[in-house]
Amino acid sequence: MLPDDVLASAAALVVQMTAAGLKLATAESCTGGLVAAAITDVAGSSAVLDRGFVTYSNEAKMAVLGVDPQMLGALGAVSGPVAIAMAEGALRFSLADVAVAITGIAGPGGGTETKPVGLVHLAVARMGRPTVEDVCHFGDLGRSGVRMAAVRKALAMIHAALV
């Protein structure tokens, strides 16, 4: 179901995290669990994936990950601070050592002049390290294209956090 390059990246991640004895949590909005799906497609992923949070609504982001409602109100769900709060919440509410968060606008609707379709904010939190955030402007690649681009970026960010 997922592209070969995504599955290869997930497989490498499972090997690397297993060797390091690290656990992963995901907090996904626009990708709807695709990062967790990529990881669980790999045999042996149970040694790595602690849990995945699909927090599509603002209410879920607040209730499940502890994202501040005032932050959501002021900045909207698609913002760097919300991605950071999601990643840190996933770390806090799991047994993971590393957590990745993704929030964005996959389209085809929902974009605005300041937050266009293809805008995705990602963050990776790791115990004992500062949380890393990145913003991507993928452009209007179509809903599936934006989501898969975000999955690729998330896996790359997790790999980078393990170094």
N, C-alpha and C. Protein backbone atom coordinates (compact mmCIF):
# COMPACT_ATOMS: atom_id res chain seq x y z
N MET A 1 0.81 -1.20 0.00
CA MET A 1 0.00 0.00 0.00
C MET A 1 0.85 1.26 0.00
N LEU A 2 1.98 1.22 0.67
CA LEU A 2 2.86 2.39 0.75
C LEU A 2 4.00 2.25 -0.25
N PRO A 3 4.55 3.37 -0.72
CA PRO A 3 5.65 3.32 -1.68
C PRO A 3 6.89 2.60 -1.12
N ASP A 4 7.64 1.98 -2.00
CA ASP A 4 8.81 1.22 -1.59
C ASP A 4 9.83 2.04 -0.81
N ASP A 5 10.04 3.31 -1.21
CA ASP A 5 11.03 4.13 -0.50
C ASP A 5 10.59 4.41 0.93
N VAL A 6 9.29 4.59 1.15
CA VAL A 6 8.76 4.82 2.50
C VAL A 6 8.94 3.57 3.34
N LEU A 7 8.63 2.41 2.77
CA LEU A 7 8.78 1.16 3.51
C LEU A 7 10.24 0.87 3.83
N ALA A 8 11.14 1.19 2.90
CA ALA A 8 12.57 1.00 3.15
C ALA A 8 13.06 1.91 4.26
N SER A 9 12.60 3.15 4.27
CA SER A 9 12.97 4.09 5.33
C SER A 9 12.44 3.61 6.68
N ALA A 10 11.20 3.14 6.70
CA ALA A 10 10.61 2.63 7.94
C ALA A 10 11.36 1.40 8.42
N ALA A 11 11.74 0.51 7.51
CA ALA A 11 12.48 -0.69 7.89
C ALA A 11 13.83 -0.33 8.50
N ALA A 12 14.52 0.63 7.89
CA ALA A 12 15.81 1.07 8.42
C ALA A 12 15.64 1.69 9.81
N LEU A 13 14.56 2.42 9.98
CA LEU A 13 14.27 3.05 11.27
C LEU A 13 14.02 1.99 12.34
N VAL A 14 13.25 0.97 12.01
CA VAL A 14 12.98 -0.11 12.97
C VAL A 14 14.29 -0.79 13.38
N VAL A 15 15.16 -1.07 12.42
CA VAL A 15 16.45 -1.69 12.74
C VAL A 15 17.27 -0.78 13.65
N GLN A 16 17.35 0.49 13.30
CA GLN A 16 18.16 1.46 14.06
C GLN A 16 17.61 1.64 15.47
N MET A 17 16.30 1.78 15.60
CA MET A 17 15.71 1.99 16.93
C MET A 17 15.76 0.73 17.78
N THR A 18 15.60 -0.43 17.16
CA THR A 18 15.70 -1.68 17.90
C THR A 18 17.11 -1.84 18.47
N ALA A 19 18.11 -1.57 17.65
CA ALA A 19 19.50 -1.68 18.08
C ALA A 19 19.81 -0.72 19.23
N ALA A 20 19.18 0.44 19.20
CA ALA A 20 19.42 1.45 20.24
C ALA A 20 18.50 1.26 21.45
N GLY A 21 17.55 0.35 21.35
CA GLY A 21 16.62 0.13 22.47
C GLY A 21 15.65 1.27 22.67
N LEU A 22 15.29 1.97 21.58
CA LEU A 22 14.41 3.13 21.68
C LEU A 22 13.00 2.81 21.22
N LYS A 23 12.04 3.48 21.84
CA LYS A 23 10.62 3.35 21.49
C LYS A 23 10.15 4.64 20.83
N LEU A 24 9.15 4.50 19.93
CA LEU A 24 8.61 5.62 19.16
C LEU A 24 7.12 5.79 19.43
N ALA A 25 6.69 7.04 19.45
CA ALA A 25 5.27 7.39 19.44
C ALA A 25 5.04 8.35 18.29
N THR A 26 3.86 8.28 17.69
CA THR A 26 3.50 9.21 16.63
C THR A 26 2.28 9.99 17.04
N ALA A 27 2.23 11.26 16.62
CA ALA A 27 1.07 12.13 16.83
C ALA A 27 0.75 12.72 15.46
N GLU A 28 -0.27 12.18 14.83
CA GLU A 28 -0.54 12.53 13.44
C GLU A 28 -1.89 13.19 13.27
N SER A 29 -1.91 14.23 12.47
CA SER A 29 -3.16 14.88 12.11
C SER A 29 -3.40 14.64 10.63
N CYS A 30 -2.83 15.44 9.75
CA CYS A 30 -3.15 15.33 8.32
C CYS A 30 -2.73 14.00 7.70
N THR A 31 -1.79 13.29 8.30
CA THR A 31 -1.37 12.00 7.75
C THR A 31 -2.22 10.85 8.27
N GLY A 32 -3.06 11.09 9.24
CA GLY A 32 -4.03 10.11 9.69
C GLY A 32 -3.49 8.75 10.06
N GLY A 33 -2.27 8.67 10.56
CA GLY A 33 -1.71 7.40 10.99
C GLY A 33 -0.79 6.73 9.97
N LEU A 34 -0.47 7.42 8.89
CA LEU A 34 0.37 6.81 7.86
C LEU A 34 1.80 6.53 8.32
N VAL A 35 2.33 7.36 9.22
CA VAL A 35 3.68 7.08 9.73
C VAL A 35 3.65 5.81 10.56
N ALA A 36 2.67 5.69 11.43
CA ALA A 36 2.53 4.47 12.23
C ALA A 36 2.29 3.27 11.33
N ALA A 37 1.51 3.44 10.27
CA ALA A 37 1.26 2.35 9.33
C ALA A 37 2.55 1.91 8.65
N ALA A 38 3.40 2.85 8.28
CA ALA A 38 4.67 2.51 7.65
C ALA A 38 5.55 1.71 8.61
N ILE A 39 5.60 2.14 9.85
CA ILE A 39 6.41 1.45 10.85
C ILE A 39 5.88 0.03 11.08
N THR A 40 4.56 -0.09 11.24
CA THR A 40 3.98 -1.40 11.56
C THR A 40 3.97 -2.34 10.37
N ASP A 41 4.30 -1.86 9.19
CA ASP A 41 4.42 -2.73 8.03
C ASP A 41 5.71 -3.55 8.10
N VAL A 42 6.59 -3.19 9.01
CA VAL A 42 7.89 -3.84 9.15
C VAL A 42 7.81 -4.92 10.23
N ALA A 43 8.24 -6.12 9.89
CA ALA A 43 8.32 -7.19 10.89
C ALA A 43 9.25 -6.76 12.01
N GLY A 44 8.85 -6.98 13.23
CA GLY A 44 9.66 -6.59 14.38
C GLY A 44 9.37 -5.20 14.90
N SER A 45 8.41 -4.52 14.29
CA SER A 45 8.11 -3.15 14.70
C SER A 45 7.53 -3.05 16.10
N SER A 46 7.03 -4.16 16.63
CA SER A 46 6.48 -4.11 18.00
C SER A 46 7.57 -3.81 19.02
N ALA A 47 8.82 -4.04 18.67
CA ALA A 47 9.92 -3.68 19.56
C ALA A 47 10.17 -2.18 19.58
N VAL A 48 9.58 -1.46 18.62
CA VAL A 48 9.86 -0.03 18.45
C VAL A 48 8.65 0.85 18.70
N LEU A 49 7.53 0.55 18.07
CA LEU A 49 6.37 1.45 18.15
C LEU A 49 5.61 1.23 19.45
N ASP A 50 5.62 2.25 20.30
CA ASP A 50 4.86 2.18 21.55
C ASP A 50 3.39 2.45 21.29
N ARG A 51 3.11 3.56 20.60
CA ARG A 51 1.72 3.92 20.28
C ARG A 51 1.68 5.02 19.26
N GLY A 52 0.51 5.12 18.62
CA GLY A 52 0.26 6.18 17.65
C GLY A 52 -1.02 6.90 18.01
N PHE A 53 -0.94 8.21 17.99
CA PHE A 53 -2.10 9.06 18.26
C PHE A 53 -2.53 9.69 16.94
N VAL A 54 -3.77 9.47 16.53
CA VAL A 54 -4.32 10.19 15.39
C VAL A 54 -5.25 11.24 15.99
N THR A 55 -4.76 12.46 15.99
CA THR A 55 -5.49 13.57 16.62
C THR A 55 -5.86 14.58 15.53
N TYR A 56 -6.87 14.22 14.80
CA TYR A 56 -7.29 15.01 13.64
C TYR A 56 -7.98 16.29 14.06
N SER A 57 -8.81 16.23 15.08
CA SER A 57 -9.56 17.41 15.53
C SER A 57 -8.76 18.18 16.57
N ASN A 58 -9.10 19.45 16.72
CA ASN A 58 -8.48 20.25 17.78
C ASN A 58 -8.82 19.68 19.15
N GLU A 59 -10.05 19.17 19.30
CA GLU A 59 -10.46 18.59 20.57
C GLU A 59 -9.57 17.41 20.94
N ALA A 60 -9.24 16.59 19.96
CA ALA A 60 -8.36 15.45 20.21
C ALA A 60 -6.95 15.92 20.57
N LYS A 61 -6.48 16.92 19.89
CA LYS A 61 -5.14 17.45 20.21
C LYS A 61 -5.09 17.92 21.66
N MET A 62 -6.16 18.55 22.11
CA MET A 62 -6.20 19.03 23.50
C MET A 62 -6.37 17.87 24.48
N ALA A 63 -7.35 16.99 24.23
CA ALA A 63 -7.69 15.94 25.18
C ALA A 63 -6.64 14.84 25.27
N VAL A 64 -6.06 14.46 24.15
CA VAL A 64 -5.17 13.31 24.12
C VAL A 64 -3.70 13.71 24.28
N LEU A 65 -3.32 14.85 23.72
CA LEU A 65 -1.92 15.27 23.74
C LEU A 65 -1.64 16.45 24.66
N GLY A 66 -2.68 17.05 25.22
CA GLY A 66 -2.49 18.17 26.13
C GLY A 66 -2.12 19.48 25.46
N VAL A 67 -2.46 19.64 24.17
CA VAL A 67 -2.17 20.90 23.49
C VAL A 67 -3.04 21.99 24.09
N ASP A 68 -2.43 23.12 24.36
CA ASP A 68 -3.10 24.27 25.00
C ASP A 68 -4.19 24.83 24.08
N PRO A 69 -5.43 24.90 24.58
CA PRO A 69 -6.52 25.43 23.76
C PRO A 69 -6.29 26.88 23.32
N GLN A 70 -5.63 27.67 24.17
CA GLN A 70 -5.35 29.06 23.80
C GLN A 70 -4.37 29.13 22.63
N MET A 71 -3.40 28.22 22.62
CA MET A 71 -2.45 28.16 21.51
C MET A 71 -3.18 27.80 20.22
N LEU A 72 -4.05 26.80 20.31
CA LEU A 72 -4.82 26.41 19.13
C LEU A 72 -5.70 27.55 18.63
N GLY A 73 -6.30 28.26 19.56
CA GLY A 73 -7.17 29.38 19.20
C GLY A 73 -6.40 30.52 18.56
N ALA A 74 -5.23 30.79 19.07
CA ALA A 74 -4.44 31.92 18.59
C ALA A 74 -3.70 31.61 17.28
N LEU A 75 -3.16 30.39 17.17
CA LEU A 75 -2.29 30.05 16.05
C LEU A 75 -2.93 29.12 15.03
N GLY A 76 -3.95 28.40 15.44
CA GLY A 76 -4.54 27.38 14.59
C GLY A 76 -3.75 26.09 14.72
N ALA A 77 -4.37 25.00 14.29
CA ALA A 77 -3.74 23.69 14.43
C ALA A 77 -2.49 23.55 13.57
N VAL A 78 -2.46 24.23 12.44
CA VAL A 78 -1.33 24.11 11.52
C VAL A 78 -0.32 25.22 11.83
N SER A 79 0.56 24.92 12.78
CA SER A 79 1.57 25.88 13.20
C SER A 79 2.71 25.13 13.87
N GLY A 80 3.87 25.76 13.89
CA GLY A 80 5.03 25.16 14.52
C GLY A 80 4.85 24.88 16.00
N PRO A 81 4.35 25.87 16.78
CA PRO A 81 4.16 25.60 18.20
C PRO A 81 3.20 24.45 18.48
N VAL A 82 2.17 24.30 17.66
CA VAL A 82 1.23 23.19 17.87
C VAL A 82 1.92 21.86 17.53
N ALA A 83 2.70 21.81 16.47
CA ALA A 83 3.45 20.59 16.15
C ALA A 83 4.38 20.21 17.30
N ILE A 84 5.06 21.19 17.85
CA ILE A 84 5.95 20.94 19.00
C ILE A 84 5.16 20.42 20.18
N ALA A 85 4.04 21.06 20.49
CA ALA A 85 3.20 20.62 21.61
C ALA A 85 2.67 19.21 21.39
N MET A 86 2.33 18.89 20.15
CA MET A 86 1.86 17.54 19.83
C MET A 86 2.97 16.51 20.07
N ALA A 87 4.17 16.78 19.60
CA ALA A 87 5.29 15.85 19.77
C ALA A 87 5.63 15.68 21.25
N GLU A 88 5.67 16.78 21.97
CA GLU A 88 6.00 16.71 23.39
C GLU A 88 4.89 16.02 24.18
N GLY A 89 3.63 16.23 23.77
CA GLY A 89 2.51 15.54 24.40
C GLY A 89 2.56 14.05 24.14
N ALA A 90 2.91 13.66 22.91
CA ALA A 90 3.03 12.23 22.59
C ALA A 90 4.12 11.58 23.43
N LEU A 91 5.19 12.30 23.65
CA LEU A 91 6.27 11.78 24.49
C LEU A 91 5.78 11.64 25.94
N ARG A 92 5.10 12.66 26.41
CA ARG A 92 4.62 12.71 27.80
C ARG A 92 3.57 11.63 28.08
N PHE A 93 2.71 11.35 27.11
CA PHE A 93 1.61 10.42 27.32
C PHE A 93 1.87 9.04 26.70
N SER A 94 3.14 8.67 26.64
CA SER A 94 3.51 7.36 26.10
C SER A 94 4.71 6.84 26.88
N LEU A 95 5.19 5.70 26.47
CA LEU A 95 6.41 5.13 27.03
C LEU A 95 7.57 5.27 26.05
N ALA A 96 7.41 6.18 25.10
CA ALA A 96 8.39 6.36 24.03
C ALA A 96 9.56 7.23 24.46
N ASP A 97 10.66 7.04 23.73
CA ASP A 97 11.85 7.87 23.88
C ASP A 97 11.90 8.97 22.83
N VAL A 98 11.19 8.72 21.71
CA VAL A 98 11.16 9.63 20.57
C VAL A 98 9.71 9.73 20.11
N ALA A 99 9.29 10.95 19.77
CA ALA A 99 7.94 11.15 19.24
C ALA A 99 7.99 12.10 18.06
N VAL A 100 7.17 11.80 17.06
CA VAL A 100 7.06 12.66 15.89
C VAL A 100 5.63 13.17 15.80
N ALA A 101 5.48 14.41 15.37
CA ALA A 101 4.15 15.01 15.20
C ALA A 101 4.06 15.67 13.83
N ILE A 102 2.85 15.58 13.26
CA ILE A 102 2.60 16.15 11.93
C ILE A 102 1.25 16.84 11.95
N THR A 103 1.21 18.09 11.48
CA THR A 103 -0.05 18.81 11.33
C THR A 103 0.07 19.67 10.07
N GLY A 104 -0.94 19.61 9.22
CA GLY A 104 -0.84 20.36 7.97
C GLY A 104 -2.15 20.40 7.21
N ILE A 105 -2.06 20.94 6.02
CA ILE A 105 -3.22 21.09 5.14
C ILE A 105 -2.97 20.28 3.88
N ALA A 106 -3.63 19.13 3.81
CA ALA A 106 -3.41 18.21 2.69
C ALA A 106 -4.26 18.57 1.47
N GLY A 107 -5.35 19.31 1.68
CA GLY A 107 -6.21 19.70 0.57
C GLY A 107 -7.26 18.66 0.25
N PRO A 108 -7.99 18.83 -0.79
CA PRO A 108 -7.86 19.91 -1.77
C PRO A 108 -8.35 21.25 -1.24
N GLY A 109 -9.23 21.24 -0.24
CA GLY A 109 -9.72 22.49 0.36
C GLY A 109 -8.98 22.77 1.65
N GLY A 110 -9.42 23.81 2.34
CA GLY A 110 -8.87 24.13 3.64
C GLY A 110 -7.73 25.12 3.64
N GLY A 111 -7.16 25.37 2.50
CA GLY A 111 -6.04 26.31 2.44
C GLY A 111 -6.51 27.75 2.44
N THR A 112 -5.63 28.62 2.89
CA THR A 112 -5.87 30.06 2.87
C THR A 112 -4.64 30.73 2.27
N GLU A 113 -4.67 32.03 2.16
CA GLU A 113 -3.52 32.76 1.63
C GLU A 113 -2.30 32.58 2.53
N THR A 114 -2.51 32.59 3.85
CA THR A 114 -1.39 32.47 4.78
C THR A 114 -1.05 31.02 5.12
N LYS A 115 -2.03 30.12 4.93
CA LYS A 115 -1.81 28.70 5.18
C LYS A 115 -2.35 27.91 3.98
N PRO A 116 -1.54 27.84 2.93
CA PRO A 116 -2.01 27.19 1.70
C PRO A 116 -1.98 25.66 1.79
N VAL A 117 -2.69 25.04 0.87
CA VAL A 117 -2.62 23.59 0.73
C VAL A 117 -1.15 23.21 0.53
N GLY A 118 -0.72 22.18 1.23
CA GLY A 118 0.67 21.73 1.14
C GLY A 118 1.54 22.22 2.28
N LEU A 119 1.00 23.09 3.13
CA LEU A 119 1.76 23.56 4.29
C LEU A 119 1.68 22.49 5.38
N VAL A 120 2.84 22.04 5.85
CA VAL A 120 2.90 21.01 6.89
C VAL A 120 3.96 21.39 7.91
N HIS A 121 3.59 21.32 9.17
CA HIS A 121 4.53 21.52 10.27
C HIS A 121 4.79 20.17 10.92
N LEU A 122 6.05 19.87 11.19
CA LEU A 122 6.44 18.62 11.81
C LEU A 122 7.35 18.91 12.99
N ALA A 123 7.34 18.03 13.96
CA ALA A 123 8.24 18.16 15.10
C ALA A 123 8.65 16.78 15.59
N VAL A 124 9.87 16.69 16.11
CA VAL A 124 10.35 15.47 16.73
C VAL A 124 10.87 15.82 18.12
N ALA A 125 10.33 15.11 19.11
CA ALA A 125 10.78 15.27 20.49
C ALA A 125 11.53 14.01 20.89
N ARG A 126 12.65 14.20 21.57
CA ARG A 126 13.41 13.06 22.09
C ARG A 126 13.81 13.36 23.52
N MET A 127 13.64 12.37 24.37
CA MET A 127 13.98 12.54 25.78
C MET A 127 15.40 13.09 25.93
N GLY A 128 15.53 14.14 26.73
CA GLY A 128 16.84 14.70 27.03
C GLY A 128 17.41 15.61 25.97
N ARG A 129 16.64 15.91 24.93
CA ARG A 129 17.11 16.79 23.85
C ARG A 129 16.05 17.84 23.54
N PRO A 130 16.46 18.96 22.95
CA PRO A 130 15.47 19.95 22.53
C PRO A 130 14.61 19.40 21.39
N THR A 131 13.35 19.79 21.38
CA THR A 131 12.45 19.39 20.31
C THR A 131 12.82 20.13 19.04
N VAL A 132 12.80 19.42 17.92
CA VAL A 132 13.15 19.99 16.62
C VAL A 132 11.87 20.14 15.81
N GLU A 133 11.68 21.31 15.21
CA GLU A 133 10.49 21.58 14.40
C GLU A 133 10.92 21.99 13.01
N ASP A 134 10.12 21.65 12.02
CA ASP A 134 10.39 22.06 10.65
C ASP A 134 9.07 22.37 9.97
N VAL A 135 9.11 23.25 9.01
CA VAL A 135 7.93 23.60 8.22
C VAL A 135 8.23 23.27 6.77
N CYS A 136 7.27 22.67 6.11
CA CYS A 136 7.43 22.31 4.70
C CYS A 136 6.31 22.94 3.89
N HIS A 137 6.68 23.46 2.75
CA HIS A 137 5.72 24.00 1.79
C HIS A 137 5.77 23.07 0.58
N PHE A 138 5.01 21.99 0.65
CA PHE A 138 5.03 20.98 -0.41
C PHE A 138 4.30 21.45 -1.67
N GLY A 139 3.43 22.42 -1.51
CA GLY A 139 2.61 22.85 -2.63
C GLY A 139 1.43 21.92 -2.81
N ASP A 140 0.61 22.21 -3.76
CA ASP A 140 -0.60 21.42 -3.99
C ASP A 140 -0.26 20.18 -4.82
N LEU A 141 0.21 19.14 -4.14
CA LEU A 141 0.57 17.88 -4.78
C LEU A 141 -0.62 16.94 -4.87
N GLY A 142 -1.79 17.42 -4.47
CA GLY A 142 -2.94 16.54 -4.30
C GLY A 142 -2.90 15.99 -2.89
N ARG A 143 -4.06 15.61 -2.39
CA ARG A 143 -4.16 15.15 -1.00
C ARG A 143 -3.18 14.02 -0.69
N SER A 144 -3.17 12.99 -1.52
CA SER A 144 -2.27 11.85 -1.28
C SER A 144 -0.81 12.26 -1.38
N GLY A 145 -0.50 13.14 -2.32
CA GLY A 145 0.87 13.59 -2.49
C GLY A 145 1.40 14.37 -1.30
N VAL A 146 0.58 15.26 -0.76
CA VAL A 146 0.98 16.04 0.42
C VAL A 146 1.18 15.10 1.61
N ARG A 147 0.25 14.19 1.78
CA ARG A 147 0.34 13.27 2.92
C ARG A 147 1.59 12.39 2.83
N MET A 148 1.90 11.88 1.65
CA MET A 148 3.07 11.02 1.50
C MET A 148 4.36 11.82 1.64
N ALA A 149 4.38 13.05 1.14
CA ALA A 149 5.55 13.91 1.33
C ALA A 149 5.79 14.16 2.82
N ALA A 150 4.72 14.34 3.57
CA ALA A 150 4.83 14.55 5.02
C ALA A 150 5.35 13.30 5.72
N VAL A 151 4.90 12.14 5.29
CA VAL A 151 5.40 10.88 5.87
C VAL A 151 6.89 10.74 5.61
N ARG A 152 7.32 11.01 4.40
CA ARG A 152 8.75 10.92 4.07
C ARG A 152 9.57 11.87 4.94
N LYS A 153 9.08 13.08 5.09
CA LYS A 153 9.79 14.07 5.91
C LYS A 153 9.83 13.64 7.37
N ALA A 154 8.71 13.11 7.87
CA ALA A 154 8.66 12.66 9.27
C ALA A 154 9.67 11.55 9.52
N LEU A 155 9.72 10.57 8.61
CA LEU A 155 10.69 9.48 8.78
C LEU A 155 12.12 10.00 8.75
N ALA A 156 12.40 10.95 7.86
CA ALA A 156 13.73 11.54 7.79
C ALA A 156 14.07 12.28 9.08
N MET A 157 13.10 12.98 9.64
CA MET A 157 13.34 13.71 10.89
C MET A 157 13.59 12.75 12.06
N ILE A 158 12.89 11.63 12.08
CA ILE A 158 13.14 10.63 13.14
C ILE A 158 14.55 10.08 12.98
N HIS A 159 14.93 9.72 11.76
CA HIS A 159 16.30 9.24 11.51
C HIS A 159 17.32 10.25 12.04
N ALA A 160 17.12 11.52 11.74
CA ALA A 160 18.06 12.57 12.17
C ALA A 160 18.11 12.68 13.69
N ALA A 161 17.00 12.45 14.36
CA ALA A 161 16.96 12.55 15.82
C ALA A 161 17.69 11.41 16.50
N LEU A 162 18.00 10.36 15.77
CA LEU A 162 18.68 9.21 16.36
C LEU A 162 20.19 9.33 16.32
N VAL A 163 20.67 10.32 15.61
CA VAL A 163 22.12 10.51 15.46
C VAL A 163 22.70 11.12 16.73
